[in-house]
Amino acid sequence: VIDDKTSQSHLRTQELYWNMQTGEMASNV
């Protein structure tokens, strides 16, 4: 679960990759 209060976005998934250097977030599920 990722809950971003500023953008009012709520993300739910079972697997997530997050590269903090490039900012990329990805999931194939």
PDB file of all heavy atoms in Angstrom:
ATOM      1  N   VAL A   1       0.852  -1.191   0.000  1.00  0.00           N
ATOM      2  CA  VAL A   1       0.000   0.000   0.000  1.00  0.00           C
ATOM      3  C   VAL A   1       0.885   1.237   0.000  1.00  0.00           C
ATOM      4  O   VAL A   1       1.817   1.338   0.803  1.00  0.00           O
ATOM      5  CB  VAL A   1      -0.932   0.039   1.233  1.00  0.00           C
ATOM      6  CG1 VAL A   1      -1.713   1.348   1.266  1.00  0.00           C
ATOM      7  CG2 VAL A   1      -1.883  -1.145   1.231  1.00  0.00           C
ATOM      8  N   ILE A   2       0.604   2.157  -0.907  1.00  0.00           N
ATOM      9  CA  ILE A   2       1.257   3.470  -0.907  1.00  0.00           C
ATOM     10  C   ILE A   2       0.150   4.519  -0.888  1.00  0.00           C
ATOM     11  O   ILE A   2      -0.697   4.562  -1.786  1.00  0.00           O
ATOM     12  CB  ILE A   2       2.170   3.665  -2.132  1.00  0.00           C
ATOM     13  CG1 ILE A   2       3.326   2.663  -2.084  1.00  0.00           C
ATOM     14  CG2 ILE A   2       2.709   5.091  -2.179  1.00  0.00           C
ATOM     15  CD1 ILE A   2       4.308   2.811  -3.233  1.00  0.00           C
ATOM     16  N   ASP A   3       0.172   5.347   0.130  1.00  0.00           N
ATOM     17  CA  ASP A   3      -0.859   6.363   0.337  1.00  0.00           C
ATOM     18  C   ASP A   3      -0.192   7.732   0.304  1.00  0.00           C
ATOM     19  O   ASP A   3       0.511   8.108   1.242  1.00  0.00           O
ATOM     20  CB  ASP A   3      -1.564   6.124   1.672  1.00  0.00           C
ATOM     21  CG  ASP A   3      -2.798   6.978   1.841  1.00  0.00           C
ATOM     22  OD1 ASP A   3      -3.256   7.556   0.835  1.00  0.00           O
ATOM     23  OD2 ASP A   3      -3.306   7.072   2.970  1.00  0.00           O
ATOM     24  N   ASP A   4      -0.398   8.459  -0.793  1.00  0.00           N
ATOM     25  CA  ASP A   4       0.207   9.783  -0.977  1.00  0.00           C
ATOM     26  C   ASP A   4      -0.839  10.840  -0.640  1.00  0.00           C
ATOM     27  O   ASP A   4      -1.800  11.059  -1.378  1.00  0.00           O
ATOM     28  CB  ASP A   4       0.679   9.928  -2.420  1.00  0.00           C
ATOM     29  CG  ASP A   4       1.382  11.258  -2.672  1.00  0.00           C
ATOM     30  OD1 ASP A   4       1.569  12.013  -1.693  1.00  0.00           O
ATOM     31  OD2 ASP A   4       1.743  11.536  -3.824  1.00  0.00           O
ATOM     32  N   LYS A   5      -0.642  11.517   0.491  1.00  0.00           N
ATOM     33  CA  LYS A   5      -1.614  12.500   0.953  1.00  0.00           C
ATOM     34  C   LYS A   5      -1.635  13.740   0.064  1.00  0.00           C
ATOM     35  O   LYS A   5      -2.683  14.347  -0.145  1.00  0.00           O
ATOM     36  CB  LYS A   5      -1.296  12.908   2.396  1.00  0.00           C
ATOM     37  CG  LYS A   5      -1.311  11.765   3.388  1.00  0.00           C
ATOM     38  CD  LYS A   5      -2.685  11.159   3.524  1.00  0.00           C
ATOM     39  CE  LYS A   5      -2.718  10.093   4.604  1.00  0.00           C
ATOM     40  NZ  LYS A   5      -4.065   9.468   4.727  1.00  0.00           N
ATOM     41  N   THR A   6      -0.476  14.139  -0.454  1.00  0.00           N
ATOM     42  CA  THR A   6      -0.394  15.364  -1.235  1.00  0.00           C
ATOM     43  C   THR A   6      -1.185  15.261  -2.538  1.00  0.00           C
ATOM     44  O   THR A   6      -1.956  16.151  -2.885  1.00  0.00           O
ATOM     45  CB  THR A   6       1.068  15.714  -1.535  1.00  0.00           C
ATOM     46  OG1 THR A   6       1.778  15.863  -0.301  1.00  0.00           O
ATOM     47  CG2 THR A   6       1.175  17.001  -2.336  1.00  0.00           C
ATOM     48  N   SER A   7      -0.984  14.165  -3.274  1.00  0.00           N
ATOM     49  CA  SER A   7      -1.694  13.988  -4.542  1.00  0.00           C
ATOM     50  C   SER A   7      -3.014  13.254  -4.373  1.00  0.00           C
ATOM     51  O   SER A   7      -3.717  13.022  -5.352  1.00  0.00           O
ATOM     52  CB  SER A   7      -0.812  13.217  -5.531  1.00  0.00           C
ATOM     53  OG  SER A   7      -0.576  11.897  -5.060  1.00  0.00           O
ATOM     54  N   GLN A   8      -3.339  12.858  -3.133  1.00  0.00           N
ATOM     55  CA  GLN A   8      -4.573  12.118  -2.827  1.00  0.00           C
ATOM     56  C   GLN A   8      -4.672  10.854  -3.672  1.00  0.00           C
ATOM     57  O   GLN A   8      -5.737  10.511  -4.194  1.00  0.00           O
ATOM     58  CB  GLN A   8      -5.796  13.007  -3.049  1.00  0.00           C
ATOM     59  CG  GLN A   8      -5.865  14.200  -2.115  1.00  0.00           C
ATOM     60  CD  GLN A   8      -7.101  15.038  -2.341  1.00  0.00           C
ATOM     61  OE1 GLN A   8      -7.240  15.677  -3.384  1.00  0.00           O
ATOM     62  NE2 GLN A   8      -8.015  15.028  -1.384  1.00  0.00           N
ATOM     63  N   SER A   9      -3.531  10.149  -3.778  1.00  0.00           N
ATOM     64  CA  SER A   9      -3.466   8.902  -4.530  1.00  0.00           C
ATOM     65  C   SER A   9      -3.277   7.735  -3.575  1.00  0.00           C
ATOM     66  O   SER A   9      -2.492   7.817  -2.623  1.00  0.00           O
ATOM     67  CB  SER A   9      -2.318   8.936  -5.535  1.00  0.00           C
ATOM     68  OG  SER A   9      -2.495   9.977  -6.466  1.00  0.00           O
ATOM     69  N   HIS A  10      -3.976   6.644  -3.846  1.00  0.00           N
ATOM     70  CA  HIS A  10      -3.902   5.450  -3.007  1.00  0.00           C
ATOM     71  C   HIS A  10      -3.664   4.257  -3.916  1.00  0.00           C
ATOM     72  O   HIS A  10      -4.486   3.959  -4.790  1.00  0.00           O
ATOM     73  CB  HIS A  10      -5.193   5.270  -2.215  1.00  0.00           C
ATOM     74  CG  HIS A  10      -5.155   4.108  -1.266  1.00  0.00           C
ATOM     75  ND1 HIS A  10      -4.580   4.188  -0.014  1.00  0.00           N
ATOM     76  CD2 HIS A  10      -5.621   2.837  -1.391  1.00  0.00           C
ATOM     77  CE1 HIS A  10      -4.694   3.013   0.595  1.00  0.00           C
ATOM     78  NE2 HIS A  10      -5.319   2.185  -0.216  1.00  0.00           N
ATOM     79  N   LEU A  11      -2.530   3.580  -3.726  1.00  0.00           N
ATOM     80  CA  LEU A  11      -2.123   2.475  -4.585  1.00  0.00           C
ATOM     81  C   LEU A  11      -2.102   1.182  -3.788  1.00  0.00           C
ATOM     82  O   LEU A  11      -1.579   1.144  -2.667  1.00  0.00           O
ATOM     83  CB  LEU A  11      -0.730   2.743  -5.165  1.00  0.00           C
ATOM     84  CG  LEU A  11      -0.127   1.649  -6.044  1.00  0.00           C
ATOM     85  CD1 LEU A  11      -0.809   1.629  -7.398  1.00  0.00           C
ATOM     86  CD2 LEU A  11       1.377   1.857  -6.220  1.00  0.00           C
ATOM     87  N   ARG A  12      -2.676   0.118  -4.372  1.00  0.00           N
ATOM     88  CA  ARG A  12      -2.642  -1.206  -3.747  1.00  0.00           C
ATOM     89  C   ARG A  12      -2.236  -2.244  -4.786  1.00  0.00           C
ATOM     90  O   ARG A  12      -2.744  -2.240  -5.915  1.00  0.00           O
ATOM     91  CB  ARG A  12      -4.006  -1.582  -3.158  1.00  0.00           C
ATOM     92  CG  ARG A  12      -4.377  -0.796  -1.916  1.00  0.00           C
ATOM     93  CD  ARG A  12      -5.622  -1.350  -1.229  1.00  0.00           C
ATOM     94  NE  ARG A  12      -6.817  -1.093  -2.017  1.00  0.00           N
ATOM     95  CZ  ARG A  12      -7.616  -2.021  -2.521  1.00  0.00           C
ATOM     96  NH1 ARG A  12      -7.324  -3.297  -2.357  1.00  0.00           N
ATOM     97  NH2 ARG A  12      -8.696  -1.699  -3.203  1.00  0.00           N
ATOM     98  N   THR A  13      -1.296  -3.115  -4.395  1.00  0.00           N
ATOM     99  CA  THR A  13      -0.856  -4.191  -5.264  1.00  0.00           C
ATOM    100  C   THR A  13      -0.218  -5.276  -4.398  1.00  0.00           C
ATOM    101  O   THR A  13      -0.111  -5.128  -3.181  1.00  0.00           O
ATOM    102  CB  THR A  13       0.140  -3.677  -6.327  1.00  0.00           C
ATOM    103  OG1 THR A  13       0.449  -4.736  -7.245  1.00  0.00           O
ATOM    104  CG2 THR A  13       1.421  -3.177  -5.684  1.00  0.00           C
ATOM    105  N   GLN A  14       0.193  -6.377  -5.041  1.00  0.00           N
ATOM    106  CA  GLN A  14       0.835  -7.461  -4.294  1.00  0.00           C
ATOM    107  C   GLN A  14       2.347  -7.488  -4.476  1.00  0.00           C
ATOM    108  O   GLN A  14       3.046  -8.184  -3.752  1.00  0.00           O
ATOM    109  CB  GLN A  14       0.240  -8.819  -4.707  1.00  0.00           C
ATOM    110  CG  GLN A  14      -1.179  -9.030  -4.247  1.00  0.00           C
ATOM    111  CD  GLN A  14      -1.307  -8.960  -2.729  1.00  0.00           C
ATOM    112  OE1 GLN A  14      -0.530  -9.575  -1.985  1.00  0.00           O
ATOM    113  NE2 GLN A  14      -2.294  -8.216  -2.253  1.00  0.00           N
ATOM    114  N   GLU A  15       2.850  -6.713  -5.425  1.00  0.00           N
ATOM    115  CA  GLU A  15       4.301  -6.638  -5.612  1.00  0.00           C
ATOM    116  C   GLU A  15       4.640  -5.335  -6.315  1.00  0.00           C
ATOM    117  O   GLU A  15       3.972  -4.948  -7.274  1.00  0.00           O
ATOM    118  CB  GLU A  15       4.827  -7.823  -6.422  1.00  0.00           C
ATOM    119  CG  GLU A  15       6.357  -7.842  -6.546  1.00  0.00           C
ATOM    120  CD  GLU A  15       6.868  -9.089  -7.239  1.00  0.00           C
ATOM    121  OE1 GLU A  15       6.718  -9.166  -8.481  1.00  0.00           O
ATOM    122  OE2 GLU A  15       7.382  -9.990  -6.548  1.00  0.00           O
ATOM    123  N   LEU A  16       5.684  -4.676  -5.823  1.00  0.00           N
ATOM    124  CA  LEU A  16       6.068  -3.392  -6.403  1.00  0.00           C
ATOM    125  C   LEU A  16       7.579  -3.219  -6.317  1.00  0.00           C
ATOM    126  O   LEU A  16       8.184  -3.498  -5.282  1.00  0.00           O
ATOM    127  CB  LEU A  16       5.374  -2.238  -5.669  1.00  0.00           C
ATOM    128  CG  LEU A  16       5.606  -0.835  -6.245  1.00  0.00           C
ATOM    129  CD1 LEU A  16       4.849  -0.678  -7.564  1.00  0.00           C
ATOM    130  CD2 LEU A  16       5.164   0.236  -5.253  1.00  0.00           C
ATOM    131  N   TYR A  17       8.177  -2.754  -7.411  1.00  0.00           N
ATOM    132  CA  TYR A  17       9.584  -2.372  -7.437  1.00  0.00           C
ATOM    133  C   TYR A  17       9.662  -0.850  -7.508  1.00  0.00           C
ATOM    134  O   TYR A  17       8.902  -0.207  -8.227  1.00  0.00           O
ATOM    135  CB  TYR A  17      10.303  -2.977  -8.654  1.00  0.00           C
ATOM    136  CG  TYR A  17      10.501  -4.466  -8.568  1.00  0.00           C
ATOM    137  CD1 TYR A  17       9.477  -5.340  -8.920  1.00  0.00           C
ATOM    138  CD2 TYR A  17      11.708  -5.010  -8.138  1.00  0.00           C
ATOM    139  CE1 TYR A  17       9.651  -6.713  -8.847  1.00  0.00           C
ATOM    140  CE2 TYR A  17      11.896  -6.380  -8.066  1.00  0.00           C
ATOM    141  CZ  TYR A  17      10.859  -7.224  -8.422  1.00  0.00           C
ATOM    142  OH  TYR A  17      11.032  -8.587  -8.343  1.00  0.00           O
ATOM    143  N   TRP A  18      10.615  -0.289  -6.751  1.00  0.00           N
ATOM    144  CA  TRP A  18      10.725   1.169  -6.670  1.00  0.00           C
ATOM    145  C   TRP A  18      12.204   1.532  -6.659  1.00  0.00           C
ATOM    146  O   TRP A  18      12.921   1.250  -5.706  1.00  0.00           O
ATOM    147  CB  TRP A  18      10.020   1.671  -5.414  1.00  0.00           C
ATOM    148  CG  TRP A  18      10.098   3.142  -5.164  1.00  0.00           C
ATOM    149  CD1 TRP A  18      10.622   4.098  -5.968  1.00  0.00           C
ATOM    150  CD2 TRP A  18       9.629   3.821  -3.993  1.00  0.00           C
ATOM    151  NE1 TRP A  18      10.510   5.329  -5.392  1.00  0.00           N
ATOM    152  CE2 TRP A  18       9.901   5.198  -4.177  1.00  0.00           C
ATOM    153  CE3 TRP A  18       9.001   3.409  -2.815  1.00  0.00           C
ATOM    154  CZ2 TRP A  18       9.588   6.144  -3.232  1.00  0.00           C
ATOM    155  CZ3 TRP A  18       8.685   4.353  -1.875  1.00  0.00           C
ATOM    156  CH2 TRP A  18       8.962   5.705  -2.074  1.00  0.00           C
ATOM    157  N   ASN A  19      12.663   2.153  -7.739  1.00  0.00           N
ATOM    158  CA  ASN A  19      14.039   2.629  -7.853  1.00  0.00           C
ATOM    159  C   ASN A  19      14.075   4.074  -7.382  1.00  0.00           C
ATOM    160  O   ASN A  19      13.555   4.971  -8.055  1.00  0.00           O
ATOM    161  CB  ASN A  19      14.530   2.515  -9.293  1.00  0.00           C
ATOM    162  CG  ASN A  19      16.015   2.816  -9.432  1.00  0.00           C
ATOM    163  OD1 ASN A  19      16.530   3.755  -8.842  1.00  0.00           O
ATOM    164  ND2 ASN A  19      16.703   2.011 -10.214  1.00  0.00           N
ATOM    165  N   MET A  20      14.664   4.325  -6.226  1.00  0.00           N
ATOM    166  CA  MET A  20      14.652   5.668  -5.656  1.00  0.00           C
ATOM    167  C   MET A  20      15.570   6.622  -6.411  1.00  0.00           C
ATOM    168  O   MET A  20      15.400   7.833  -6.338  1.00  0.00           O
ATOM    169  CB  MET A  20      15.041   5.614  -4.172  1.00  0.00           C
ATOM    170  CG  MET A  20      14.028   4.904  -3.302  1.00  0.00           C
ATOM    171  SD  MET A  20      14.358   5.090  -1.539  1.00  0.00           S
ATOM    172  CE  MET A  20      15.909   4.184  -1.390  1.00  0.00           C
ATOM    173  N   GLN A  21      16.551   6.092  -7.142  1.00  0.00           N
ATOM    174  CA  GLN A  21      17.465   6.957  -7.888  1.00  0.00           C
ATOM    175  C   GLN A  21      16.796   7.505  -9.145  1.00  0.00           C
ATOM    176  O   GLN A  21      16.881   8.704  -9.439  1.00  0.00           O
ATOM    177  CB  GLN A  21      18.740   6.201  -8.254  1.00  0.00           C
ATOM    178  CG  GLN A  21      19.763   7.055  -8.997  1.00  0.00           C
ATOM    179  CD  GLN A  21      21.056   6.300  -9.252  1.00  0.00           C
ATOM    180  OE1 GLN A  21      21.219   5.153  -8.831  1.00  0.00           O
ATOM    181  NE2 GLN A  21      21.980   6.935  -9.953  1.00  0.00           N
ATOM    182  N   THR A  22      16.119   6.636  -9.889  1.00  0.00           N
ATOM    183  CA  THR A  22      15.471   7.068 -11.125  1.00  0.00           C
ATOM    184  C   THR A  22      14.027   7.512 -10.898  1.00  0.00           C
ATOM    185  O   THR A  22      13.444   8.174 -11.764  1.00  0.00           O
ATOM    186  CB  THR A  22      15.476   5.931 -12.149  1.00  0.00           C
ATOM    187  OG1 THR A  22      14.684   4.832 -11.663  1.00  0.00           O
ATOM    188  CG2 THR A  22      16.897   5.453 -12.408  1.00  0.00           C
ATOM    189  N   GLY A  23      13.446   7.107  -9.767  1.00  0.00           N
ATOM    190  CA  GLY A  23      12.049   7.434  -9.491  1.00  0.00           C
ATOM    191  C   GLY A  23      11.061   6.464 -10.085  1.00  0.00           C
ATOM    192  O   GLY A  23       9.852   6.625  -9.914  1.00  0.00           O
ATOM    193  N   GLU A  24      11.540   5.423 -10.796  1.00  0.00           N
ATOM    194  CA  GLU A  24      10.645   4.463 -11.437  1.00  0.00           C
ATOM    195  C   GLU A  24       9.952   3.568 -10.406  1.00  0.00           C
ATOM    196  O   GLU A  24      10.578   3.086  -9.462  1.00  0.00           O
ATOM    197  CB  GLU A  24      11.414   3.582 -12.412  1.00  0.00           C
ATOM    198  CG  GLU A  24      11.792   4.251 -13.710  1.00  0.00           C
ATOM    199  CD  GLU A  24      12.418   3.256 -14.669  1.00  0.00           C
ATOM    200  OE1 GLU A  24      13.627   2.982 -14.508  1.00  0.00           O
ATOM    201  OE2 GLU A  24      11.717   2.757 -15.564  1.00  0.00           O
ATOM    202  N   MET A  25       8.663   3.338 -10.626  1.00  0.00           N
ATOM    203  CA  MET A  25       7.892   2.364  -9.869  1.00  0.00           C
ATOM    204  C   MET A  25       7.247   1.424 -10.872  1.00  0.00           C
ATOM    205  O   MET A  25       6.763   1.868 -11.927  1.00  0.00           O
ATOM    206  CB  MET A  25       6.824   3.047  -9.013  1.00  0.00           C
ATOM    207  CG  MET A  25       7.360   4.081  -8.043  1.00  0.00           C
ATOM    208  SD  MET A  25       6.042   4.938  -7.138  1.00  0.00           S
ATOM    209  CE  MET A  25       5.521   3.630  -6.033  1.00  0.00           C
ATOM    210  N   ALA A  26       7.220   0.108 -10.543  1.00  0.00           N
ATOM    211  CA  ALA A  26       6.715  -0.848 -11.526  1.00  0.00           C
ATOM    212  C   ALA A  26       6.114  -2.064 -10.842  1.00  0.00           C
ATOM    213  O   ALA A  26       6.555  -2.489  -9.782  1.00  0.00           O
ATOM    214  CB  ALA A  26       7.844  -1.296 -12.457  1.00  0.00           C
ATOM    215  N   SER A  27       5.070  -2.604 -11.502  1.00  0.00           N
ATOM    216  CA  SER A  27       4.457  -3.846 -11.048  1.00  0.00           C
ATOM    217  C   SER A  27       3.846  -4.549 -12.245  1.00  0.00           C
ATOM    218  O   SER A  27       3.274  -3.896 -13.130  1.00  0.00           O
ATOM    219  CB  SER A  27       3.373  -3.580 -10.005  1.00  0.00           C
ATOM    220  OG  SER A  27       2.744  -4.791  -9.610  1.00  0.00           O
ATOM    221  N   ASN A  28       3.960  -5.876 -12.265  1.00  0.00           N
ATOM    222  CA  ASN A  28       3.352  -6.681 -13.325  1.00  0.00           C
ATOM    223  C   ASN A  28       2.221  -7.552 -12.784  1.00  0.00           C
ATOM    224  O   ASN A  28       1.854  -8.543 -13.415  1.00  0.00           O
ATOM    225  CB  ASN A  28       4.400  -7.570 -14.007  1.00  0.00           C
ATOM    226  CG  ASN A  28       5.149  -6.813 -15.102  1.00  0.00           C
ATOM    227  OD1 ASN A  28       4.787  -5.701 -15.469  1.00  0.00           O
ATOM    228  ND2 ASN A  28       6.198  -7.419 -15.614  1.00  0.00           N
ATOM    229  N   VAL A  29       1.697  -7.212 -11.626  1.00  0.00           N
ATOM    230  CA  VAL A  29       0.572  -7.938 -11.059  1.00  0.00           C
ATOM    231  C   VAL A  29      -0.589  -6.962 -10.863  1.00  0.00           C
ATOM    232  O   VAL A  29      -0.459  -5.757 -11.091  1.00  0.00           O
ATOM    233  CB  VAL A  29       0.944  -8.615  -9.721  1.00  0.00           C
ATOM    234  CG1 VAL A  29       2.098  -9.600  -9.911  1.00  0.00           C
ATOM    235  CG2 VAL A  29       1.323  -7.575  -8.671  1.00  0.00           C
TER     236      VAL A  29
END
